[in-house]
Structure formats: structure tokens, C-alpha cells
Amino acid sequence: MHRLLVLYPEPADPDHFRDYYVTKHIPLVMNWPGLLACRYSFDVAATKGEAPYFAVFEADFADAVAMAVARSSPQGQRVSADVVNYATGGVVVIDYPVQDSIG
């Protein structure tokens, strides 16, 4: 499996971010081809001190190729272009293969 992880620093307007993200952005994400699962949270905490991120998003794909196909598809391009509409604090996007360590 391959995971896309998106970290969002604090936006200028947290209420707008939450509303837009849930009502407009996530529905776009749900149209990604090859998407196996996704999840997000606005309740980001740090074990010590203040969390450096306001929100987090994860998306799972079968492999890196499936993720690349999804991101370069017309749906993926719409998702990427939409980020400026709510992520005024910026965005950190990383991806990696997921290794199971239990079982």
C-alpha cells in the first residue's frame, strides 16, 4: 500500500477551512480513481507543546503508481487546484510506502 499524507498549518480562517474542506474539498477527493481509503482530522495534538499542524489528511492507494495516476488524473488535478481555496496557512504533502509491522 502507498499513503499520501497532507499536513495543514494553521489557516487564516479556521472556520472557513473546516466548512470548505468538509463540504467542497473532500467530495472532490472521493472521486480520485484508485482511492482505497481516506481519513482526516482537525483534532491534531502534539505529545509535547503545541501541534505544528491544524489538520491532517491521509489517502491510501494500492501502490505508488496508483497514487501517481490518481494525482495526475483530471480529478486529481481538480483536487490540487482546489487547495488554494481553503489552505491559507500552506500545505505539506508527502507520500510513502506503508510497511506492516504487526501480524
PDB file of N, CA and C in Angstrom:
ATOM      1  N   MET A   1       0.842  -1.170   0.000  1.00  0.00           N
ATOM      2  CA  MET A   1       0.000   0.000   0.000  1.00  0.00           C
ATOM      3  C   MET A   1       0.893   1.241   0.000  1.00  0.00           C
ATOM      4  N   HIS A   2       0.370   2.322  -0.552  1.00  0.00           N
ATOM      5  CA  HIS A   2       1.088   3.592  -0.602  1.00  0.00           C
ATOM      6  C   HIS A   2       0.181   4.675  -0.026  1.00  0.00           C
ATOM      7  N   ARG A   3       0.749   5.536   0.811  1.00  0.00           N
ATOM      8  CA  ARG A   3      -0.049   6.553   1.505  1.00  0.00           C
ATOM      9  C   ARG A   3       0.386   7.948   1.103  1.00  0.00           C
ATOM     10  N   LEU A   4      -0.609   8.796   0.903  1.00  0.00           N
ATOM     11  CA  LEU A   4      -0.415  10.226   0.698  1.00  0.00           C
ATOM     12  C   LEU A   4      -0.792  10.893   2.015  1.00  0.00           C
ATOM     13  N   LEU A   5       0.095  11.707   2.548  1.00  0.00           N
ATOM     14  CA  LEU A   5      -0.143  12.401   3.806  1.00  0.00           C
ATOM     15  C   LEU A   5      -0.068  13.901   3.552  1.00  0.00           C
ATOM     16  N   VAL A   6      -1.102  14.614   3.979  1.00  0.00           N
ATOM     17  CA  VAL A   6      -1.148  16.062   3.805  1.00  0.00           C
ATOM     18  C   VAL A   6      -1.266  16.698   5.183  1.00  0.00           C
ATOM     19  N   LEU A   7      -0.348  17.605   5.483  1.00  0.00           N
ATOM     20  CA  LEU A   7      -0.327  18.311   6.761  1.00  0.00           C
ATOM     21  C   LEU A   7      -0.635  19.780   6.506  1.00  0.00           C
ATOM     22  N   TYR A   8      -1.575  20.313   7.257  1.00  0.00           N
ATOM     23  CA  TYR A   8      -2.006  21.696   7.070  1.00  0.00           C
ATOM     24  C   TYR A   8      -1.638  22.554   8.277  1.00  0.00           C
ATOM     25  N   PRO A   9      -0.755  23.542   8.117  1.00  0.00           N
ATOM     26  CA  PRO A   9      -0.524  24.513   9.183  1.00  0.00           C
ATOM     27  C   PRO A   9      -1.784  25.351   9.429  1.00  0.00           C
ATOM     28  N   GLU A  10      -1.787  26.082  10.508  1.00  0.00           N
ATOM     29  CA  GLU A  10      -2.940  26.906  10.900  1.00  0.00           C
ATOM     30  C   GLU A  10      -3.342  27.857   9.767  1.00  0.00           C
ATOM     31  N   PRO A  11      -4.606  27.820   9.346  1.00  0.00           N
ATOM     32  CA  PRO A  11      -5.074  28.741   8.298  1.00  0.00           C
ATOM     33  C   PRO A  11      -5.455  30.100   8.896  1.00  0.00           C
ATOM     34  N   ALA A  12      -5.632  31.081   8.041  1.00  0.00           N
ATOM     35  CA  ALA A  12      -6.050  32.411   8.485  1.00  0.00           C
ATOM     36  C   ALA A  12      -7.458  32.371   9.083  1.00  0.00           C
ATOM     37  N   ASP A  13      -8.336  31.545   8.521  1.00  0.00           N
ATOM     38  CA  ASP A  13      -9.723  31.448   8.983  1.00  0.00           C
ATOM     39  C   ASP A  13     -10.068  29.975   9.219  1.00  0.00           C
ATOM     40  N   PRO A  14      -9.857  29.475  10.443  1.00  0.00           N
ATOM     41  CA  PRO A  14     -10.111  28.060  10.734  1.00  0.00           C
ATOM     42  C   PRO A  14     -11.551  27.608  10.448  1.00  0.00           C
ATOM     43  N   ASP A  15     -12.528  28.469  10.705  1.00  0.00           N
ATOM     44  CA  ASP A  15     -13.922  28.084  10.453  1.00  0.00           C
ATOM     45  C   ASP A  15     -14.179  27.889   8.964  1.00  0.00           C
ATOM     46  N   HIS A  16     -13.650  28.804   8.145  1.00  0.00           N
ATOM     47  CA  HIS A  16     -13.797  28.651   6.692  1.00  0.00           C
ATOM     48  C   HIS A  16     -13.109  27.366   6.225  1.00  0.00           C
ATOM     49  N   PHE A  17     -11.904  27.114   6.736  1.00  0.00           N
ATOM     50  CA  PHE A  17     -11.169  25.904   6.368  1.00  0.00           C
ATOM     51  C   PHE A  17     -12.029  24.677   6.627  1.00  0.00           C
ATOM     52  N   ARG A  18     -12.518  24.529   7.852  1.00  0.00           N
ATOM     53  CA  ARG A  18     -13.313  23.348   8.218  1.00  0.00           C
ATOM     54  C   ARG A  18     -14.533  23.179   7.316  1.00  0.00           C
ATOM     55  N   ASP A  19     -15.284  24.263   7.154  1.00  0.00           N
ATOM     56  CA  ASP A  19     -16.509  24.187   6.352  1.00  0.00           C
ATOM     57  C   ASP A  19     -16.203  23.844   4.896  1.00  0.00           C
ATOM     58  N   TYR A  20     -15.270  24.551   4.288  1.00  0.00           N
ATOM     59  CA  TYR A  20     -14.930  24.321   2.886  1.00  0.00           C
ATOM     60  C   TYR A  20     -14.367  22.920   2.689  1.00  0.00           C
ATOM     61  N   TYR A  21     -13.495  22.518   3.584  1.00  0.00           N
ATOM     62  CA  TYR A  21     -12.838  21.221   3.472  1.00  0.00           C
ATOM     63  C   TYR A  21     -13.854  20.085   3.457  1.00  0.00           C
ATOM     64  N   VAL A  22     -14.788  20.135   4.395  1.00  0.00           N
ATOM     65  CA  VAL A  22     -15.777  19.058   4.533  1.00  0.00           C
ATOM     66  C   VAL A  22     -16.820  19.103   3.421  1.00  0.00           C
ATOM     67  N   THR A  23     -17.291  20.285   3.062  1.00  0.00           N
ATOM     68  CA  THR A  23     -18.403  20.373   2.110  1.00  0.00           C
ATOM     69  C   THR A  23     -17.985  20.418   0.645  1.00  0.00           C
ATOM     70  N   LYS A  24     -16.752  20.872   0.372  1.00  0.00           N
ATOM     71  CA  LYS A  24     -16.334  21.010  -1.025  1.00  0.00           C
ATOM     72  C   LYS A  24     -15.097  20.188  -1.394  1.00  0.00           C
ATOM     73  N   HIS A  25     -14.065  20.217  -0.535  1.00  0.00           N
ATOM     74  CA  HIS A  25     -12.818  19.548  -0.905  1.00  0.00           C
ATOM     75  C   HIS A  25     -12.898  18.023  -0.792  1.00  0.00           C
ATOM     76  N   ILE A  26     -13.382  17.526   0.313  1.00  0.00           N
ATOM     77  CA  ILE A  26     -13.455  16.073   0.493  1.00  0.00           C
ATOM     78  C   ILE A  26     -14.333  15.419  -0.584  1.00  0.00           C
ATOM     79  N   PRO A  27     -15.463  16.007  -0.978  1.00  0.00           N
ATOM     80  CA  PRO A  27     -16.209  15.399  -2.097  1.00  0.00           C
ATOM     81  C   PRO A  27     -15.379  15.290  -3.385  1.00  0.00           C
ATOM     82  N   LEU A  28     -14.487  16.234  -3.639  1.00  0.00           N
ATOM     83  CA  LEU A  28     -13.600  16.119  -4.805  1.00  0.00           C
ATOM     84  C   LEU A  28     -12.647  14.942  -4.638  1.00  0.00           C
ATOM     85  N   VAL A  29     -12.094  14.801  -3.442  1.00  0.00           N
ATOM     86  CA  VAL A  29     -11.156  13.714  -3.153  1.00  0.00           C
ATOM     87  C   VAL A  29     -11.813  12.352  -3.383  1.00  0.00           C
ATOM     88  N   MET A  30     -13.071  12.242  -3.032  1.00  0.00           N
ATOM     89  CA  MET A  30     -13.770  10.958  -3.136  1.00  0.00           C
ATOM     90  C   MET A  30     -13.880  10.474  -4.585  1.00  0.00           C
ATOM     91  N   ASN A  31     -13.609  11.338  -5.548  1.00  0.00           N
ATOM     92  CA  ASN A  31     -13.654  10.965  -6.964  1.00  0.00           C
ATOM     93  C   ASN A  31     -12.312  10.521  -7.522  1.00  0.00           C
ATOM     94  N   TRP A  32     -11.264  10.490  -6.691  1.00  0.00           N
ATOM     95  CA  TRP A  32      -9.958  10.042  -7.167  1.00  0.00           C
ATOM     96  C   TRP A  32     -10.027   8.593  -7.625  1.00  0.00           C
ATOM     97  N   PRO A  33      -9.543   8.292  -8.808  1.00  0.00           N
ATOM     98  CA  PRO A  33      -9.500   6.890  -9.235  1.00  0.00           C
ATOM     99  C   PRO A  33      -8.469   6.121  -8.399  1.00  0.00           C
ATOM    100  N   GLY A  34      -8.813   4.913  -8.014  1.00  0.00           N
ATOM    101  CA  GLY A  34      -7.884   4.067  -7.282  1.00  0.00           C
ATOM    102  C   GLY A  34      -7.779   4.339  -5.791  1.00  0.00           C
ATOM    103  N   LEU A  35      -8.556   5.267  -5.277  1.00  0.00           N
ATOM    104  CA  LEU A  35      -8.535   5.572  -3.846  1.00  0.00           C
ATOM    105  C   LEU A  35      -9.105   4.390  -3.066  1.00  0.00           C
ATOM    106  N   LEU A  36      -8.306   3.842  -2.143  1.00  0.00           N
ATOM    107  CA  LEU A  36      -8.762   2.713  -1.326  1.00  0.00           C
ATOM    108  C   LEU A  36      -9.438   3.177  -0.047  1.00  0.00           C
ATOM    109  N   ALA A  37      -8.895   4.217   0.564  1.00  0.00           N
ATOM    110  CA  ALA A  37      -9.448   4.756   1.807  1.00  0.00           C
ATOM    111  C   ALA A  37      -8.858   6.135   2.028  1.00  0.00           C
ATOM    112  N   CYS A  38      -9.582   6.958   2.782  1.00  0.00           N
ATOM    113  CA  CYS A  38      -9.028   8.242   3.190  1.00  0.00           C
ATOM    114  C   CYS A  38      -9.623   8.637   4.530  1.00  0.00           C
ATOM    115  N   ARG A  39      -8.907   9.499   5.209  1.00  0.00           N
ATOM    116  CA  ARG A  39      -9.350   9.963   6.513  1.00  0.00           C
ATOM    117  C   ARG A  39      -8.727  11.330   6.778  1.00  0.00           C
ATOM    118  N   TYR A  40      -9.356  12.110   7.652  1.00  0.00           N
ATOM    119  CA  TYR A  40      -8.818  13.418   8.007  1.00  0.00           C
ATOM    120  C   TYR A  40      -9.184  13.733   9.449  1.00  0.00           C
ATOM    121  N   SER A  41      -8.510  14.737   9.995  1.00  0.00           N
ATOM    122  CA  SER A  41      -8.818  15.183  11.345  1.00  0.00           C
ATOM    123  C   SER A  41      -8.440  16.645  11.512  1.00  0.00           C
ATOM    124  N   PHE A  42      -9.254  17.353  12.297  1.00  0.00           N
ATOM    125  CA  PHE A  42      -8.939  18.715  12.707  1.00  0.00           C
ATOM    126  C   PHE A  42      -8.454  18.724  14.161  1.00  0.00           C
ATOM    127  N   ASP A  43      -8.411  17.572  14.786  1.00  0.00           N
ATOM    128  CA  ASP A  43      -8.017  17.453  16.192  1.00  0.00           C
ATOM    129  C   ASP A  43      -6.579  16.957  16.307  1.00  0.00           C
ATOM    130  N   VAL A  44      -5.657  17.725  15.768  1.00  0.00           N
ATOM    131  CA  VAL A  44      -4.247  17.339  15.752  1.00  0.00           C
ATOM    132  C   VAL A  44      -3.596  17.811  17.053  1.00  0.00           C
ATOM    133  N   ALA A  45      -2.939  16.900  17.744  1.00  0.00           N
ATOM    134  CA  ALA A  45      -2.273  17.225  19.004  1.00  0.00           C
ATOM    135  C   ALA A  45      -0.810  16.795  18.939  1.00  0.00           C
ATOM    136  N   ALA A  46      -0.004  17.417  19.765  1.00  0.00           N
ATOM    137  CA  ALA A  46       1.405  17.050  19.884  1.00  0.00           C
ATOM    138  C   ALA A  46       1.614  16.429  21.263  1.00  0.00           C
ATOM    139  N   THR A  47       2.564  15.523  21.374  1.00  0.00           N
ATOM    140  CA  THR A  47       2.826  14.912  22.676  1.00  0.00           C
ATOM    141  C   THR A  47       3.425  15.925  23.646  1.00  0.00           C
ATOM    142  N   LYS A  48       4.140  16.912  23.116  1.00  0.00           N
ATOM    143  CA  LYS A  48       4.689  17.991  23.938  1.00  0.00           C
ATOM    144  C   LYS A  48       4.522  19.306  23.195  1.00  0.00           C
ATOM    145  N   GLY A  49       4.053  20.297  23.881  1.00  0.00           N
ATOM    146  CA  GLY A  49       3.897  21.614  23.272  1.00  0.00           C
ATOM    147  C   GLY A  49       2.714  21.688  22.324  1.00  0.00           C
ATOM    148  N   GLU A  50       2.709  22.745  21.553  1.00  0.00           N
ATOM    149  CA  GLU A  50       1.619  22.990  20.621  1.00  0.00           C
ATOM    150  C   GLU A  50       1.856  22.242  19.307  1.00  0.00           C
ATOM    151  N   ALA A  51       0.799  21.666  18.758  1.00  0.00           N
ATOM    152  CA  ALA A  51       0.906  20.934  17.491  1.00  0.00           C
ATOM    153  C   ALA A  51       1.272  21.906  16.363  1.00  0.00           C
ATOM    154  N   PRO A  52       2.190  21.518  15.490  1.00  0.00           N
ATOM    155  CA  PRO A  52       2.572  22.398  14.388  1.00  0.00           C
ATOM    156  C   PRO A  52       1.571  22.401  13.231  1.00  0.00           C
ATOM    157  N   TYR A  53       0.553  21.554  13.329  1.00  0.00           N
ATOM    158  CA  TYR A  53      -0.415  21.454  12.239  1.00  0.00           C
ATOM    159  C   TYR A  53      -1.838  21.585  12.757  1.00  0.00           C
ATOM    160  N   PHE A  54      -2.680  22.185  11.933  1.00  0.00           N
ATOM    161  CA  PHE A  54      -4.088  22.393  12.232  1.00  0.00           C
ATOM    162  C   PHE A  54      -4.920  21.172  11.842  1.00  0.00           C
ATOM    163  N   ALA A  55      -4.565  20.557  10.718  1.00  0.00           N
ATOM    164  CA  ALA A  55      -5.337  19.422  10.200  1.00  0.00           C
ATOM    165  C   ALA A  55      -4.395  18.449   9.501  1.00  0.00           C
ATOM    166  N   VAL A  56      -4.880  17.217   9.343  1.00  0.00           N
ATOM    167  CA  VAL A  56      -4.119  16.171   8.674  1.00  0.00           C
ATOM    168  C   VAL A  56      -5.070  15.359   7.795  1.00  0.00           C
ATOM    169  N   PHE A  57      -4.538  14.879   6.665  1.00  0.00           N
ATOM    170  CA  PHE A  57      -5.307  14.054   5.736  1.00  0.00           C
ATOM    171  C   PHE A  57      -4.437  12.892   5.293  1.00  0.00           C
ATOM    172  N   GLU A  58      -5.024  11.710   5.179  1.00  0.00           N
ATOM    173  CA  GLU A  58      -4.331  10.525   4.662  1.00  0.00           C
ATOM    174  C   GLU A  58      -5.182   9.888   3.572  1.00  0.00           C
ATOM    175  N   ALA A  59      -4.533   9.435   2.522  1.00  0.00           N
ATOM    176  CA  ALA A  59      -5.208   8.686   1.460  1.00  0.00           C
ATOM    177  C   ALA A  59      -4.369   7.460   1.128  1.00  0.00           C
ATOM    178  N   ASP A  60      -5.018   6.322   0.987  1.00  0.00           N
ATOM    179  CA  ASP A  60      -4.328   5.071   0.695  1.00  0.00           C
ATOM    180  C   ASP A  60      -4.621   4.610  -0.729  1.00  0.00           C
ATOM    181  N   PHE A  61      -3.556   4.138  -1.375  1.00  0.00           N
ATOM    182  CA  PHE A  61      -3.632   3.600  -2.733  1.00  0.00           C
ATOM    183  C   PHE A  61      -2.919   2.255  -2.757  1.00  0.00           C
ATOM    184  N   ALA A  62      -3.179   1.452  -3.747  1.00  0.00           N
ATOM    185  CA  ALA A  62      -2.573   0.124  -3.844  1.00  0.00           C
ATOM    186  C   ALA A  62      -1.049   0.205  -3.900  1.00  0.00           C
ATOM    187  N   ASP A  63      -0.527   1.180  -4.623  1.00  0.00           N
ATOM    188  CA  ASP A  63       0.921   1.340  -4.762  1.00  0.00           C
ATOM    189  C   ASP A  63       1.215   2.754  -5.251  1.00  0.00           C
ATOM    190  N   ALA A  64       2.505   3.078  -5.417  1.00  0.00           N
ATOM    191  CA  ALA A  64       2.914   4.417  -5.834  1.00  0.00           C
ATOM    192  C   ALA A  64       2.392   4.763  -7.225  1.00  0.00           C
ATOM    193  N   VAL A  65       2.318   3.781  -8.099  1.00  0.00           N
ATOM    194  CA  VAL A  65       1.809   4.027  -9.453  1.00  0.00           C
ATOM    195  C   VAL A  65       0.338   4.426  -9.405  1.00  0.00           C
ATOM    196  N   ALA A  66      -0.455   3.717  -8.620  1.00  0.00           N
ATOM    197  CA  ALA A  66      -1.890   4.046  -8.488  1.00  0.00           C
ATOM    198  C   ALA A  66      -2.069   5.456  -7.937  1.00  0.00           C
ATOM    199  N   MET A  67      -1.226   5.832  -6.965  1.00  0.00           N
ATOM    200  CA  MET A  67      -1.313   7.184  -6.415  1.00  0.00           C
ATOM    201  C   MET A  67      -0.946   8.227  -7.473  1.00  0.00           C
ATOM    202  N   ALA A  68       0.114   7.972  -8.232  1.00  0.00           N
ATOM    203  CA  ALA A  68       0.534   8.902  -9.278  1.00  0.00           C
ATOM    204  C   ALA A  68      -0.541   9.054 -10.351  1.00  0.00           C
ATOM    205  N   VAL A  69      -1.174   7.969 -10.721  1.00  0.00           N
ATOM    206  CA  VAL A  69      -2.267   8.017 -11.702  1.00  0.00           C
ATOM    207  C   VAL A  69      -3.412   8.867 -11.163  1.00  0.00           C
ATOM    208  N   ALA A  70      -3.765   8.663  -9.895  1.00  0.00           N
ATOM    209  CA  ALA A  70      -4.850   9.432  -9.279  1.00  0.00           C
ATOM    210  C   ALA A  70      -4.521  10.918  -9.243  1.00  0.00           C
ATOM    211  N   ARG A  71      -3.318  11.252  -8.832  1.00  0.00           N
ATOM    212  CA  ARG A  71      -2.935  12.658  -8.703  1.00  0.00           C
ATOM    213  C   ARG A  71      -2.835  13.361 -10.050  1.00  0.00           C
ATOM    214  N   SER A  72      -2.477  12.633 -11.106  1.00  0.00           N
ATOM    215  CA  SER A  72      -2.342  13.256 -12.421  1.00  0.00           C
ATOM    216  C   SER A  72      -3.629  13.209 -13.237  1.00  0.00           C
ATOM    217  N   SER A  73      -4.632  12.508 -12.745  1.00  0.00           N
ATOM    218  CA  SER A  73      -5.924  12.418 -13.439  1.00  0.00           C
ATOM    219  C   SER A  73      -6.630  13.780 -13.402  1.00  0.00           C
ATOM    220  N   PRO A  74      -7.651  13.972 -14.242  1.00  0.00           N
ATOM    221  CA  PRO A  74      -8.422  15.219 -14.169  1.00  0.00           C
ATOM    222  C   PRO A  74      -8.992  15.463 -12.763  1.00  0.00           C
ATOM    223  N   GLN A  75      -9.443  14.408 -12.100  1.00  0.00           N
ATOM    224  CA  GLN A  75      -9.969  14.552 -10.742  1.00  0.00           C
ATOM    225  C   GLN A  75      -8.859  14.996  -9.784  1.00  0.00           C
ATOM    226  N   GLY A  76      -7.686  14.390  -9.913  1.00  0.00           N
ATOM    227  CA  GLY A  76      -6.555  14.754  -9.072  1.00  0.00           C
ATOM    228  C   GLY A  76      -6.099  16.182  -9.296  1.00  0.00           C
ATOM    229  N   GLN A  77      -6.129  16.622 -10.532  1.00  0.00           N
ATOM    230  CA  GLN A  77      -5.757  17.999 -10.845  1.00  0.00           C
ATOM    231  C   GLN A  77      -6.752  18.978 -10.233  1.00  0.00           C
ATOM    232  N   ARG A  78      -8.050  18.617 -10.212  1.00  0.00           N
ATOM    233  CA  ARG A  78      -9.061  19.468  -9.569  1.00  0.00           C
ATOM    234  C   ARG A  78      -8.820  19.548  -8.063  1.00  0.00           C
ATOM    235  N   VAL A  79      -8.470  18.402  -7.467  1.00  0.00           N
ATOM    236  CA  VAL A  79      -8.180  18.382  -6.026  1.00  0.00           C
ATOM    237  C   VAL A  79      -7.002  19.305  -5.725  1.00  0.00           C
ATOM    238  N   SER A  80      -5.929  19.184  -6.463  1.00  0.00           N
ATOM    239  CA  SER A  80      -4.745  20.027  -6.242  1.00  0.00           C
ATOM    240  C   SER A  80      -5.057  21.507  -6.440  1.00  0.00           C
ATOM    241  N   ALA A  81      -5.800  21.835  -7.473  1.00  0.00           N
ATOM    242  CA  ALA A  81      -6.132  23.232  -7.765  1.00  0.00           C
ATOM    243  C   ALA A  81      -7.047  23.832  -6.695  1.00  0.00           C
ATOM    244  N   ASP A  82      -7.800  22.992  -6.006  1.00  0.00           N
ATOM    245  CA  ASP A  82      -8.761  23.468  -5.008  1.00  0.00           C
ATOM    246  C   ASP A  82      -8.103  23.879  -3.691  1.00  0.00           C
ATOM    247  N   VAL A  83      -6.911  23.427  -3.420  1.00  0.00           N
ATOM    248  CA  VAL A  83      -6.253  23.659  -2.128  1.00  0.00           C
ATOM    249  C   VAL A  83      -6.152  25.151  -1.796  1.00  0.00           C
ATOM    250  N   VAL A  84      -5.903  26.000  -2.767  1.00  0.00           N
ATOM    251  CA  VAL A  84      -5.768  27.445  -2.506  1.00  0.00           C
ATOM    252  C   VAL A  84      -7.060  28.062  -1.976  1.00  0.00           C
ATOM    253  N   ASN A  85      -8.181  27.382  -2.133  1.00  0.00           N
ATOM    254  CA  ASN A  85      -9.466  27.921  -1.694  1.00  0.00           C
ATOM    255  C   ASN A  85      -9.694  27.821  -0.188  1.00  0.00           C
ATOM    256  N   TYR A  86      -8.849  27.080   0.523  1.00  0.00           N
ATOM    257  CA  TYR A  86      -9.053  26.942   1.967  1.00  0.00           C
ATOM    258  C   TYR A  86      -7.750  26.888   2.771  1.00  0.00           C
ATOM    259  N   ALA A  87      -6.640  26.450   2.189  1.00  0.00           N
ATOM    260  CA  ALA A  87      -5.390  26.230   2.931  1.00  0.00           C
ATOM    261  C   ALA A  87      -4.510  27.477   2.917  1.00  0.00           C
ATOM    262  N   THR A  88      -4.976  28.539   3.561  1.00  0.00           N
ATOM    263  CA  THR A  88      -4.235  29.801   3.562  1.00  0.00           C
ATOM    264  C   THR A  88      -2.958  29.738   4.390  1.00  0.00           C
ATOM    265  N   GLY A  89      -2.808  28.715   5.224  1.00  0.00           N
ATOM    266  CA  GLY A  89      -1.596  28.555   6.021  1.00  0.00           C
ATOM    267  C   GLY A  89      -0.532  27.731   5.323  1.00  0.00           C
ATOM    268  N   GLY A  90      -0.832  27.270   4.121  1.00  0.00           N
ATOM    269  CA  GLY A  90       0.099  26.432   3.382  1.00  0.00           C
ATOM    270  C   GLY A  90      -0.263  24.966   3.512  1.00  0.00           C
ATOM    271  N   VAL A  91       0.587  24.121   2.961  1.00  0.00           N
ATOM    272  CA  VAL A  91       0.326  22.685   2.956  1.00  0.00           C
ATOM    273  C   VAL A  91       1.655  21.942   2.786  1.00  0.00           C
ATOM    274  N   VAL A  92       1.765  20.812   3.466  1.00  0.00           N
ATOM    275  CA  VAL A  92       2.921  19.922   3.329  1.00  0.00           C
ATOM    276  C   VAL A  92       2.382  18.596   2.812  1.00  0.00           C
ATOM    277  N   VAL A  93       2.868  18.143   1.665  1.00  0.00           N
ATOM    278  CA  VAL A  93       2.387  16.904   1.053  1.00  0.00           C
ATOM    279  C   VAL A  93       3.560  15.927   0.957  1.00  0.00           C
ATOM    280  N   ILE A  94       3.371  14.747   1.531  1.00  0.00           N
ATOM    281  CA  ILE A  94       4.382  13.697   1.434  1.00  0.00           C
ATOM    282  C   ILE A  94       3.693  12.379   1.094  1.00  0.00           C
ATOM    283  N   ASP A  95       4.466  11.442   0.576  1.00  0.00           N
ATOM    284  CA  ASP A  95       3.914  10.115   0.316  1.00  0.00           C
ATOM    285  C   ASP A  95       4.978   9.077   0.600  1.00  0.00           C
ATOM    286  N   TYR A  96       4.525   7.861   0.884  1.00  0.00           N
ATOM    287  CA  TYR A  96       5.451   6.792   1.257  1.00  0.00           C
ATOM    288  C   TYR A  96       4.771   5.445   1.190  1.00  0.00           C
ATOM    289  N   PRO A  97       5.573   4.386   0.983  1.00  0.00           N
ATOM    290  CA  PRO A  97       5.015   3.040   1.059  1.00  0.00           C
ATOM    291  C   PRO A  97       4.757   2.703   2.526  1.00  0.00           C
ATOM    292  N   VAL A  98       3.674   1.994   2.776  1.00  0.00           N
ATOM    293  CA  VAL A  98       3.310   1.615   4.135  1.00  0.00           C
ATOM    294  C   VAL A  98       3.785   0.186   4.379  1.00  0.00           C
ATOM    295  N   GLN A  99       4.514   0.007   5.470  1.00  0.00           N
ATOM    296  CA  GLN A  99       5.030  -1.300   5.860  1.00  0.00           C
ATOM    297  C   GLN A  99       4.270  -1.790   7.088  1.00  0.00           C
ATOM    298  N   ASP A 100       3.696  -2.964   7.020  1.00  0.00           N
ATOM    299  CA  ASP A 100       3.045  -3.560   8.190  1.00  0.00           C
ATOM    300  C   ASP A 100       4.104  -4.090   9.143  1.00  0.00           C
ATOM    301  N   SER A 101       3.901  -3.828  10.428  1.00  0.00           N
ATOM    302  CA  SER A 101       4.874  -4.318  11.406  1.00  0.00           C
ATOM    303  C   SER A 101       4.246  -5.252  12.444  1.00  0.00           C
ATOM    304  N   ILE A 102       2.940  -5.427  12.385  1.00  0.00           N
ATOM    305  CA  ILE A 102       2.252  -6.313  13.316  1.00  0.00           C
ATOM    306  C   ILE A 102       1.498  -7.351  12.511  1.00  0.00           C
ATOM    307  N   GLY A 103       1.591  -8.571  12.907  1.00  0.00           N
ATOM    308  CA  GLY A 103       0.811  -9.610  12.237  1.00  0.00           C
ATOM    309  C   GLY A 103       1.583 -10.342  11.295  1.00  0.00           C
TER     310      GLY A 103
END
